[in-house]
Amino acid sequence: MSHIRELNSCESRDLHLWLQEQRIDLNAKKRVKFSDVLPVATIAQTVYPRLVDLIHYTPSRHSVANKLQNWKVFNFTVLKKLNITLSELYMKELAQGQEGAIELLFYELFVRPLKIASEEDRDYTTGNPDQIKTSFGSEYGSKTTRE
């Protein structure tokens, strides 16, 4: 039984648009590719260059145990600094290539911060700087745990 939260329709639409912009097609073959953290870390390195160092990850090919170890390293070295925490079960589902797992992570890691930034820009232009702080603190600062 999967414990992965499903994206709502707005989140799915935003993710789909982001995937199109990045020219990423999440078919079954790509989902298997993204079960290892290395391709995800490569994308994350373009967005968060100071946080991601690809030298920490070992090529894991078909070993779920090695993929899981890579996810643990990514969780500790990158996601923790972004206030995103993945449960052991969720990392295992990512390593196994469970449907919906990588979509949720992509949304939380890449799409949601863009939405929050655009909301902050909108709040800033309306002349209400208090909303920027509130929006940043309540949305981005909260931990995201998958169980």
C-alpha atoms as a PDB file:
ATOM      1  CA  MET A   1       0.000   0.000   0.000  1.00  0.00           C
ATOM      2  CA  SER A   2       1.365   3.363  -1.012  1.00  0.00           C
ATOM      3  CA  HIS A   3       1.508   6.214   1.477  1.00  0.00           C
ATOM      4  CA  ILE A   4       2.107   8.866  -1.165  1.00  0.00           C
ATOM      5  CA  ARG A   5      -0.112  11.936  -1.007  1.00  0.00           C
ATOM      6  CA  GLU A   6      -1.809  12.552  -4.322  1.00  0.00           C
ATOM      7  CA  LEU A   7      -1.474  15.979  -5.867  1.00  0.00           C
ATOM      8  CA  ASN A   8      -4.722  17.902  -6.245  1.00  0.00           C
ATOM      9  CA  SER A   9      -5.798  19.121  -9.687  1.00  0.00           C
ATOM     10  CA  CYS A  10      -4.127  22.555  -9.356  1.00  0.00           C
ATOM     11  CA  GLU A  11      -0.874  21.008  -8.128  1.00  0.00           C
ATOM     12  CA  SER A  12      -0.975  18.446 -10.944  1.00  0.00           C
ATOM     13  CA  ARG A  13      -1.517  21.185 -13.518  1.00  0.00           C
ATOM     14  CA  ASP A  14       1.351  23.277 -12.127  1.00  0.00           C
ATOM     15  CA  LEU A  15       3.627  20.229 -12.093  1.00  0.00           C
ATOM     16  CA  HIS A  16       2.661  19.335 -15.660  1.00  0.00           C
ATOM     17  CA  LEU A  17       3.500  22.875 -16.821  1.00  0.00           C
ATOM     18  CA  TRP A  18       6.848  22.772 -15.013  1.00  0.00           C
ATOM     19  CA  LEU A  19       7.672  19.371 -16.523  1.00  0.00           C
ATOM     20  CA  GLN A  20       6.862  20.745 -19.987  1.00  0.00           C
ATOM     21  CA  GLU A  21       9.121  23.766 -19.386  1.00  0.00           C
ATOM     22  CA  GLN A  22      11.936  21.432 -18.336  1.00  0.00           C
ATOM     23  CA  ARG A  23      11.215  19.058 -21.233  1.00  0.00           C
ATOM     24  CA  ILE A  24      10.750  16.120 -18.877  1.00  0.00           C
ATOM     25  CA  ASP A  25       8.349  13.367 -19.898  1.00  0.00           C
ATOM     26  CA  LEU A  26       7.410  11.192 -16.917  1.00  0.00           C
ATOM     27  CA  ASN A  27       6.601   7.956 -18.690  1.00  0.00           C
ATOM     28  CA  ALA A  28       7.210   4.543 -17.106  1.00  0.00           C
ATOM     29  CA  LYS A  29      10.807   4.384 -18.341  1.00  0.00           C
ATOM     30  CA  LYS A  30      11.667   7.829 -16.965  1.00  0.00           C
ATOM     31  CA  ARG A  31       9.995   7.007 -13.662  1.00  0.00           C
ATOM     32  CA  VAL A  32      12.429   4.085 -13.313  1.00  0.00           C
ATOM     33  CA  LYS A  33      15.314   6.423 -14.175  1.00  0.00           C
ATOM     34  CA  PHE A  34      14.198   8.880 -11.478  1.00  0.00           C
ATOM     35  CA  SER A  35      14.032   6.100  -8.886  1.00  0.00           C
ATOM     36  CA  ASP A  36      17.719   6.859  -8.403  1.00  0.00           C
ATOM     37  CA  VAL A  37      18.488  10.250  -6.935  1.00  0.00           C
ATOM     38  CA  LEU A  38      21.312  11.103  -9.361  1.00  0.00           C
ATOM     39  CA  PRO A  39      19.069  12.454 -12.183  1.00  0.00           C
ATOM     40  CA  VAL A  40      16.985  14.324  -9.592  1.00  0.00           C
ATOM     41  CA  ALA A  41      20.135  15.746  -7.978  1.00  0.00           C
ATOM     42  CA  THR A  42      21.351  16.856 -11.411  1.00  0.00           C
ATOM     43  CA  ILE A  43      18.144  18.855 -11.922  1.00  0.00           C
ATOM     44  CA  ALA A  44      18.313  20.164  -8.349  1.00  0.00           C
ATOM     45  CA  GLN A  45      21.889  21.311  -8.942  1.00  0.00           C
ATOM     46  CA  THR A  46      20.662  23.711 -11.641  1.00  0.00           C
ATOM     47  CA  VAL A  47      18.101  25.202  -9.242  1.00  0.00           C
ATOM     48  CA  TYR A  48      20.124  25.018  -6.005  1.00  0.00           C
ATOM     49  CA  PRO A  49      23.775  25.029  -7.165  1.00  0.00           C
ATOM     50  CA  ARG A  50      25.251  25.741  -3.730  1.00  0.00           C
ATOM     51  CA  LEU A  51      23.390  22.874  -2.064  1.00  0.00           C
ATOM     52  CA  VAL A  52      23.960  19.990  -4.460  1.00  0.00           C
ATOM     53  CA  ASP A  53      27.292  18.267  -4.970  1.00  0.00           C
ATOM     54  CA  LEU A  54      26.957  15.266  -7.286  1.00  0.00           C
ATOM     55  CA  ILE A  55      30.091  13.609  -5.938  1.00  0.00           C
ATOM     56  CA  HIS A  56      28.113  12.288  -2.928  1.00  0.00           C
ATOM     57  CA  TYR A  57      26.019   9.876  -5.002  1.00  0.00           C
ATOM     58  CA  THR A  58      27.035   6.475  -6.321  1.00  0.00           C
ATOM     59  CA  PRO A  59      25.601   5.052  -9.549  1.00  0.00           C
ATOM     60  CA  SER A  60      23.144   2.398  -8.425  1.00  0.00           C
ATOM     61  CA  ARG A  61      21.700   0.967 -11.650  1.00  0.00           C
ATOM     62  CA  HIS A  62      19.295  -1.728 -10.405  1.00  0.00           C
ATOM     63  CA  SER A  63      20.014  -2.004  -6.677  1.00  0.00           C
ATOM     64  CA  VAL A  64      17.130  -0.664  -4.601  1.00  0.00           C
ATOM     65  CA  ALA A  65      19.420  -0.693  -1.543  1.00  0.00           C
ATOM     66  CA  ASN A  66      21.953   1.585  -3.272  1.00  0.00           C
ATOM     67  CA  LYS A  67      19.183   3.842  -4.574  1.00  0.00           C
ATOM     68  CA  LEU A  68      17.771   4.084  -1.059  1.00  0.00           C
ATOM     69  CA  GLN A  69      21.195   5.011   0.300  1.00  0.00           C
ATOM     70  CA  ASN A  70      21.489   7.767  -2.327  1.00  0.00           C
ATOM     71  CA  TRP A  71      18.047   9.086  -1.333  1.00  0.00           C
ATOM     72  CA  LYS A  72      19.127   9.156   2.321  1.00  0.00           C
ATOM     73  CA  VAL A  73      22.212  11.196   1.408  1.00  0.00           C
ATOM     74  CA  PHE A  74      20.110  13.598  -0.706  1.00  0.00           C
ATOM     75  CA  ASN A  75      17.560  13.897   2.102  1.00  0.00           C
ATOM     76  CA  PHE A  76      20.270  14.750   4.635  1.00  0.00           C
ATOM     77  CA  THR A  77      22.538  16.972   2.524  1.00  0.00           C
ATOM     78  CA  VAL A  78      20.041  18.862   0.353  1.00  0.00           C
ATOM     79  CA  LEU A  79      16.411  18.494   1.362  1.00  0.00           C
ATOM     80  CA  LYS A  80      17.041  19.079   5.056  1.00  0.00           C
ATOM     81  CA  LYS A  81      18.508  22.501   4.197  1.00  0.00           C
ATOM     82  CA  LEU A  82      15.329  23.304   2.258  1.00  0.00           C
ATOM     83  CA  ASN A  83      13.133  22.290   5.227  1.00  0.00           C
ATOM     84  CA  ILE A  84      11.853  19.236   3.389  1.00  0.00           C
ATOM     85  CA  THR A  85      12.059  15.928   5.215  1.00  0.00           C
ATOM     86  CA  LEU A  86      11.368  12.578   3.583  1.00  0.00           C
ATOM     87  CA  SER A  87      10.319   9.609   5.677  1.00  0.00           C
ATOM     88  CA  GLU A  88      12.137   6.292   5.367  1.00  0.00           C
ATOM     89  CA  LEU A  89       9.017   4.783   3.786  1.00  0.00           C
ATOM     90  CA  TYR A  90       8.728   7.586   1.223  1.00  0.00           C
ATOM     91  CA  MET A  91      12.417   7.278   0.288  1.00  0.00           C
ATOM     92  CA  LYS A  92      11.872   3.549  -0.206  1.00  0.00           C
ATOM     93  CA  GLU A  93       8.903   4.270  -2.489  1.00  0.00           C
ATOM     94  CA  LEU A  94      11.069   6.697  -4.470  1.00  0.00           C
ATOM     95  CA  ALA A  95      13.835   4.078  -4.765  1.00  0.00           C
ATOM     96  CA  GLN A  96      11.299   1.520  -5.992  1.00  0.00           C
ATOM     97  CA  GLY A  97       9.897   3.937  -8.577  1.00  0.00           C
ATOM     98  CA  GLN A  98       6.369   3.925  -7.138  1.00  0.00           C
ATOM     99  CA  GLU A  99       3.892   5.849  -9.244  1.00  0.00           C
ATOM    100  CA  GLY A 100       3.262   9.308  -7.834  1.00  0.00           C
ATOM    101  CA  ALA A 101       6.392   9.405  -5.665  1.00  0.00           C
ATOM    102  CA  ILE A 102       8.633  11.396  -7.986  1.00  0.00           C
ATOM    103  CA  GLU A 103       5.754  13.663  -9.019  1.00  0.00           C
ATOM    104  CA  LEU A 104       5.157  14.688  -5.415  1.00  0.00           C
ATOM    105  CA  LEU A 105       8.858  15.290  -4.815  1.00  0.00           C
ATOM    106  CA  PHE A 106       9.202  17.342  -8.007  1.00  0.00           C
ATOM    107  CA  TYR A 107       6.229  19.426  -6.922  1.00  0.00           C
ATOM    108  CA  GLU A 108       7.601  20.063  -3.419  1.00  0.00           C
ATOM    109  CA  LEU A 109      11.184  20.623  -4.554  1.00  0.00           C
ATOM    110  CA  PHE A 110      10.761  22.648  -7.750  1.00  0.00           C
ATOM    111  CA  VAL A 111       7.170  23.830  -8.361  1.00  0.00           C
ATOM    112  CA  ARG A 112       6.028  24.881  -4.894  1.00  0.00           C
ATOM    113  CA  PRO A 113       9.004  27.221  -4.267  1.00  0.00           C
ATOM    114  CA  LEU A 114       8.265  28.924  -7.612  1.00  0.00           C
ATOM    115  CA  LYS A 115       4.630  29.408  -6.627  1.00  0.00           C
ATOM    116  CA  ILE A 116       5.627  30.820  -3.251  1.00  0.00           C
ATOM    117  CA  ALA A 117       8.110  33.194  -4.883  1.00  0.00           C
ATOM    118  CA  SER A 118       5.461  34.432  -7.319  1.00  0.00           C
ATOM    119  CA  GLU A 119       3.016  34.933  -4.427  1.00  0.00           C
ATOM    120  CA  GLU A 120       5.660  36.947  -2.588  1.00  0.00           C
ATOM    121  CA  ASP A 121       6.228  39.079  -5.689  1.00  0.00           C
ATOM    122  CA  ARG A 122       2.505  39.661  -5.942  1.00  0.00           C
ATOM    123  CA  ASP A 123       2.287  40.624  -2.235  1.00  0.00           C
ATOM    124  CA  TYR A 124       5.280  42.935  -2.583  1.00  0.00           C
ATOM    125  CA  THR A 125       3.768  44.781  -5.536  1.00  0.00           C
ATOM    126  CA  THR A 126       0.495  45.336  -3.672  1.00  0.00           C
ATOM    127  CA  GLY A 127       2.412  47.211  -1.011  1.00  0.00           C
ATOM    128  CA  ASN A 128       1.826  44.834   1.872  1.00  0.00           C
ATOM    129  CA  PRO A 129       5.293  43.663   2.995  1.00  0.00           C
ATOM    130  CA  ASP A 130       3.866  41.827   6.032  1.00  0.00           C
ATOM    131  CA  GLN A 131       2.304  39.246   3.736  1.00  0.00           C
ATOM    132  CA  ILE A 132       5.697  38.385   2.286  1.00  0.00           C
ATOM    133  CA  LYS A 133       7.031  37.371   5.678  1.00  0.00           C
ATOM    134  CA  THR A 134       3.858  35.482   6.577  1.00  0.00           C
ATOM    135  CA  SER A 135       3.718  33.701   3.244  1.00  0.00           C
ATOM    136  CA  PHE A 136       7.383  32.696   3.436  1.00  0.00           C
ATOM    137  CA  GLY A 137       7.197  31.563   7.048  1.00  0.00           C
ATOM    138  CA  SER A 138       3.987  29.592   6.838  1.00  0.00           C
ATOM    139  CA  GLU A 139       4.451  27.984   3.435  1.00  0.00           C
ATOM    140  CA  TYR A 140       8.117  27.421   2.755  1.00  0.00           C
ATOM    141  CA  GLY A 141       9.368  27.159   6.320  1.00  0.00           C
ATOM    142  CA  SER A 142       7.140  24.262   7.271  1.00  0.00           C
ATOM    143  CA  LYS A 143       8.487  20.745   7.063  1.00  0.00           C
ATOM    144  CA  THR A 144       6.972  18.336   4.602  1.00  0.00           C
ATOM    145  CA  THR A 145       6.897  14.779   5.855  1.00  0.00           C
ATOM    146  CA  ARG A 146       5.547  11.856   3.861  1.00  0.00           C
ATOM    147  CA  GLU A 147       4.259   8.864   5.735  1.00  0.00           C
END
